[in-house]
Protein backbone atom coordinates (compact mmCIF):
# COMPACT_ATOMS: atom_id res chain seq x y z
CA MET A 1 1.71 -11.24 -1.07
CA ASN A 2 3.38 -13.62 1.93
CA LEU A 3 1.66 -16.01 0.29
CA ILE A 4 2.10 -15.09 -3.31
CA THR A 5 6.23 -15.90 -2.32
CA THR A 6 5.58 -18.74 -0.66
CA THR A 7 3.77 -20.29 -3.28
CA ILE A 8 6.91 -19.39 -5.41
CA SER A 9 9.34 -20.97 -3.26
CA ALA A 10 7.46 -24.35 -2.75
CA LEU A 11 6.67 -24.51 -6.57
CA SER A 12 10.64 -23.72 -7.62
CA ALA A 13 11.61 -26.41 -4.94
CA LYS A 14 9.20 -28.71 -7.19
CA LEU A 15 10.60 -27.07 -10.87
CA SER A 16 14.65 -27.02 -10.09
CA PRO A 17 15.14 -27.24 -6.85
CA HIS A 18 19.20 -26.49 -7.68
CA ILE A 19 18.28 -23.23 -9.01
CA PRO A 20 18.29 -20.64 -6.12
CA ILE A 21 15.93 -17.69 -6.73
CA ALA A 22 13.93 -14.65 -4.71
CA THR A 23 10.33 -13.04 -5.30
CA ALA A 24 8.90 -9.99 -4.33
CA ALA A 25 5.35 -8.74 -4.65
CA VAL A 26 3.82 -5.44 -4.22
CA ASP A 27 0.28 -4.45 -3.32
CA LEU A 28 -0.33 -1.05 -6.03
CA ALA A 29 -3.40 -0.71 -4.11
CA ALA A 30 -1.15 0.36 -1.87
CA PRO A 31 0.78 3.40 -0.97
CA LEU A 32 4.19 3.14 -2.57
CA PRO A 33 7.76 4.32 -0.65
CA PRO A 34 8.72 7.80 -2.20
CA PRO A 35 10.27 7.03 -5.66
CA GLU A 36 13.80 8.39 -4.65
CA SER A 37 13.98 5.43 -1.74
CA PHE A 38 14.34 3.27 -4.11
CA LEU A 39 14.96 4.01 -7.78
CA VAL A 40 18.75 5.63 -8.81
CA ALA A 41 18.93 8.85 -11.36
CA ALA A 42 18.59 7.14 -14.88
CA GLU A 43 15.44 5.31 -13.09
CA LEU A 44 13.96 8.43 -11.70
CA ALA A 45 14.46 9.99 -14.94
CA ALA A 46 12.29 7.27 -16.66
CA LEU A 47 9.54 7.77 -14.42
CA GLU A 48 9.24 10.93 -15.99
CA LYS A 49 8.37 9.46 -19.41
CA PHE A 50 5.34 8.33 -17.52
CA THR A 51 1.97 10.21 -17.90
CA THR A 52 -0.50 8.44 -17.13
CA ILE A 53 -0.80 7.27 -12.60
CA LYS A 54 -1.81 3.54 -13.08
CA ARG A 55 1.27 3.06 -15.94
CA ARG A 56 3.24 5.20 -13.36
CA LYS A 57 2.58 3.21 -10.28
CA GLN A 58 2.89 -0.08 -12.10
CA TRP A 59 6.51 0.49 -13.30
CA LEU A 60 7.55 1.92 -9.87
CA GLY A 61 5.67 -1.18 -8.10
CA GLY A 62 7.55 -3.66 -10.84
CA ARG A 63 10.73 -1.86 -9.74
CA LEU A 64 10.24 -2.03 -6.38
CA ALA A 65 9.75 -5.59 -6.34
CA ALA A 66 12.51 -5.79 -8.20
CA LYS A 67 15.29 -4.59 -5.95
CA THR A 68 13.15 -6.36 -3.36
CA ALA A 69 13.96 -9.37 -4.82
CA LEU A 70 17.63 -8.62 -5.47
CA LEU A 71 18.00 -7.80 -2.23
CA ARG A 72 16.86 -11.69 -0.52
CA LYS A 73 18.76 -13.00 -2.91
CA ASP A 74 22.11 -11.27 -3.41
CA GLY A 75 22.42 -8.59 -0.89
CA GLY A 76 23.21 -4.78 -0.97
CA GLY A 77 20.52 -2.15 -1.01
CA LEU A 78 17.43 -0.61 -2.75
CA THR A 79 19.29 1.94 -4.62
CA ASP A 80 22.84 -0.48 -4.81
CA TRP A 81 20.57 -1.99 -7.91
CA GLU A 82 19.63 -0.22 -11.14
CA ILE A 83 17.21 -1.91 -12.99
CA VAL A 84 17.99 -1.52 -17.20
CA ASN A 85 16.60 -2.24 -20.60
CA GLU A 86 18.66 -5.34 -22.23
CA LYS A 87 19.28 -4.98 -26.03
CA ASP A 88 16.20 -7.52 -26.16
CA GLY A 89 13.77 -5.25 -24.54
CA ARG A 90 13.66 -7.96 -21.24
CA PRO A 91 14.97 -6.57 -18.42
CA GLY A 92 18.37 -6.66 -16.15
CA ALA A 93 19.79 -5.87 -12.96
CA ILE A 94 22.87 -4.46 -12.47
CA PHE A 95 25.24 -3.88 -9.01
CA ILE A 96 26.25 -0.17 -9.20
CA PRO A 97 28.97 -0.30 -6.62
CA ASP A 98 30.37 -3.41 -9.14
CA PRO A 99 28.99 -3.07 -12.66
CA GLY A 100 30.19 -5.82 -13.75
CA ARG A 101 27.93 -7.75 -11.85
CA ALA A 102 24.41 -8.26 -13.30
CA ALA A 103 21.76 -10.61 -12.16
CA PRO A 104 18.35 -11.58 -14.45
CA ILE A 105 15.62 -10.75 -13.29
CA SER A 106 11.74 -10.89 -14.63
CA ILE A 107 9.48 -8.53 -13.55
CA SER A 108 5.21 -8.83 -14.21
CA HIS A 109 2.67 -6.62 -13.13
CA SER A 110 -1.47 -6.92 -13.10
CA HIS A 111 -4.39 -4.74 -12.10
CA ASN A 112 -3.29 -3.66 -8.29
CA LEU A 113 -0.26 -6.33 -8.24
CA ALA A 114 3.15 -6.10 -9.33
CA CYS A 115 5.55 -9.52 -8.70
CA ALA A 116 9.65 -9.72 -9.55
CA LEU A 117 11.71 -12.86 -10.06
CA VAL A 118 15.44 -13.12 -9.35
CA ALA A 119 17.05 -15.97 -10.31
CA ASP A 120 21.28 -17.26 -11.70
CA HIS A 121 20.41 -17.29 -14.98
CA PRO A 122 16.94 -15.92 -17.33
CA CYS A 123 13.95 -17.07 -15.78
CA GLY A 124 10.74 -14.95 -16.75
CA ILE A 125 7.53 -14.63 -14.21
CA ASP A 126 3.87 -13.49 -15.52
CA VAL A 127 0.35 -12.28 -13.47
CA GLU A 128 -2.55 -11.76 -14.89
CA LEU A 129 -5.89 -10.73 -12.90
CA ILE A 130 -8.76 -13.78 -13.74
CA SER A 131 -11.29 -11.56 -16.05
CA GLY A 132 -12.72 -12.25 -19.33
CA ARG A 133 -9.62 -11.21 -21.08
CA PRO A 134 -7.18 -14.34 -21.50
CA ARG A 135 -10.42 -16.15 -23.04
CA ARG A 136 -11.16 -13.55 -24.80
CA LEU A 137 -7.71 -13.77 -26.60
CA ALA A 138 -7.89 -17.56 -26.71
CA PRO A 139 -7.74 -18.15 -30.17
CA ARG A 140 -4.88 -15.76 -30.39
CA PHE A 141 -2.50 -18.14 -27.92
CA SER A 142 -4.21 -21.50 -27.53
CA ALA A 143 -4.32 -24.96 -29.35
CA PRO A 144 -7.41 -26.73 -29.54
CA THR A 145 -5.11 -29.78 -28.02
CA GLU A 146 -3.43 -27.37 -25.27
CA ASN A 147 -7.60 -26.32 -24.25
CA GLU A 148 -8.63 -30.21 -24.31
CA ILE A 149 -5.29 -30.78 -21.48
CA ILE A 150 -6.50 -27.70 -19.78
CA LYS A 151 -10.45 -28.20 -19.83
CA ASP A 152 -10.84 -29.75 -16.59
CA LEU A 153 -10.31 -25.92 -14.75
CA ASP A 154 -12.44 -23.69 -14.98
CA PRO A 155 -12.71 -21.87 -18.01
CA GLU A 156 -11.79 -18.52 -16.61
CA PRO A 157 -8.41 -19.70 -14.51
CA GLY A 158 -7.39 -22.38 -16.84
CA CYS A 159 -7.31 -19.87 -19.96
CA THR A 160 -6.04 -17.21 -17.66
CA LEU A 161 -3.12 -19.82 -16.08
CA LEU A 162 -2.02 -20.82 -19.87
CA TRP A 163 -1.41 -17.47 -21.13
CA CYS A 164 0.54 -16.85 -18.22
CA ALA A 165 2.93 -19.47 -18.85
CA LYS A 166 2.84 -18.64 -21.95
CA GLU A 167 4.49 -15.36 -21.23
CA SER A 168 6.45 -16.38 -18.70
CA LEU A 169 7.94 -18.71 -20.82
CA ARG A 170 8.47 -15.81 -23.63
CA LYS A 171 10.40 -14.04 -21.10
CA GLY A 172 12.20 -16.37 -19.84
CA VAL A 173 13.86 -18.67 -23.27
CA ARG A 174 16.10 -17.07 -25.59
CA PRO A 175 15.53 -16.59 -28.57
CA MET A 176 11.50 -15.53 -27.68
CA PRO A 177 9.55 -18.08 -29.26
CA GLY A 178 5.71 -17.07 -30.46
CA PHE A 179 2.96 -18.35 -28.63
CA PHE A 180 2.09 -21.26 -31.27
CA ASP A 181 5.70 -21.45 -30.96
CA LEU A 182 5.30 -23.55 -27.54
CA GLU A 183 2.73 -26.19 -27.43
CA LEU A 184 1.21 -27.73 -24.10
CA ILE A 185 1.83 -31.18 -23.56
CA LYS A 186 1.27 -31.77 -19.60
CA LEU A 187 -0.84 -30.82 -16.95
CA GLU A 188 0.44 -31.95 -13.60
CA PRO A 189 -1.81 -30.67 -10.15
CA GLY A 190 0.29 -30.53 -6.96
CA THR A 191 0.12 -28.63 -3.64
CA ASN A 192 0.41 -25.49 -4.47
CA GLY A 193 -0.69 -25.65 -8.05
CA TYR A 194 0.44 -26.94 -11.50
CA ILE A 195 3.74 -27.84 -13.41
CA MET A 196 2.87 -27.11 -17.07
CA GLU A 197 5.33 -28.87 -19.31
CA PHE A 198 5.66 -27.88 -22.81
CA LYS A 199 7.89 -28.50 -26.53
CA ILE A 200 8.94 -25.44 -28.04
CA ARG A 201 9.46 -25.34 -31.10
CA GLY A 202 8.51 -28.92 -31.49
CA GLU A 203 11.51 -30.33 -30.17
CA ILE A 204 12.56 -28.92 -26.60
CA ILE A 205 10.97 -30.00 -23.65
CA HIS A 206 10.60 -27.53 -21.10
CA ARG A 207 8.36 -27.22 -17.37
CA CYS A 208 6.91 -23.81 -16.21
CA ALA A 209 4.85 -23.67 -12.92
CA ALA A 210 1.40 -21.90 -12.18
CA ALA A 211 -0.82 -21.39 -9.05
CA ILE A 212 -4.19 -19.39 -8.55
CA ILE A 213 -3.74 -16.78 -5.62
CA ASN A 214 -6.15 -13.95 -4.42
CA ASN A 215 -8.24 -14.32 -7.78
CA TYR A 216 -4.79 -13.80 -9.74
CA GLY A 217 -2.62 -16.18 -12.45
CA PHE A 218 0.96 -17.06 -12.10
CA SER A 219 3.41 -18.65 -13.74
CA PHE A 220 7.19 -18.55 -13.43
CA CYS A 221 10.21 -20.76 -15.84
CA LEU A 222 13.28 -21.15 -15.01
CA PRO A 223 15.20 -22.16 -17.99
CA PRO A 224 17.21 -24.66 -19.03
CA SER A 225 14.80 -27.10 -17.96
CA ASP A 226 16.63 -29.65 -15.38
CA PHE A 227 15.42 -33.47 -17.09
């Protein structure tokens, strides 16, 4: 888990060095702490609505990752923060001792991993296990010009990174763009991963960072772009 957070921090320094962030990752294959140790009453009530063990654990892992990242960046205790749904369905965080204090967050989970990102303004993070799924779904989210840009990457990791990048931008950009509103125009390799440059709705240029770690694809964005 430390490799994930350190890689994201290193990429963040290249992507948007002036924006403070915090991240956390949770191994869903390991036992989680008791829900009452990090959830507040409203969250415990929401937890009861999940009927499958897998979905319940993913939801719990996402909340634990988000609250851990919140503590790292903004302080407080695990139960001082409540994760809520914004009007558009994206997650947000409220500091219970001071309800006027809120924090933008993004949460993602896949297979046995949950992760979260906290910043000073809307942000997006996405994680996806490298499998056949993104490649099978490629016609639904990637264009031939984008496939040409990622052609030097192995097919499965390449499709996974493009999927994660677009998902992170869809979470971070407002209003939410569609997959084909996002056009990959540049892929810049680096020591820790990649910087991916996109046009949004044919006009706005924005960047996100992406990496492959432990057979998972990751991407995150910190809009607005710093260039």
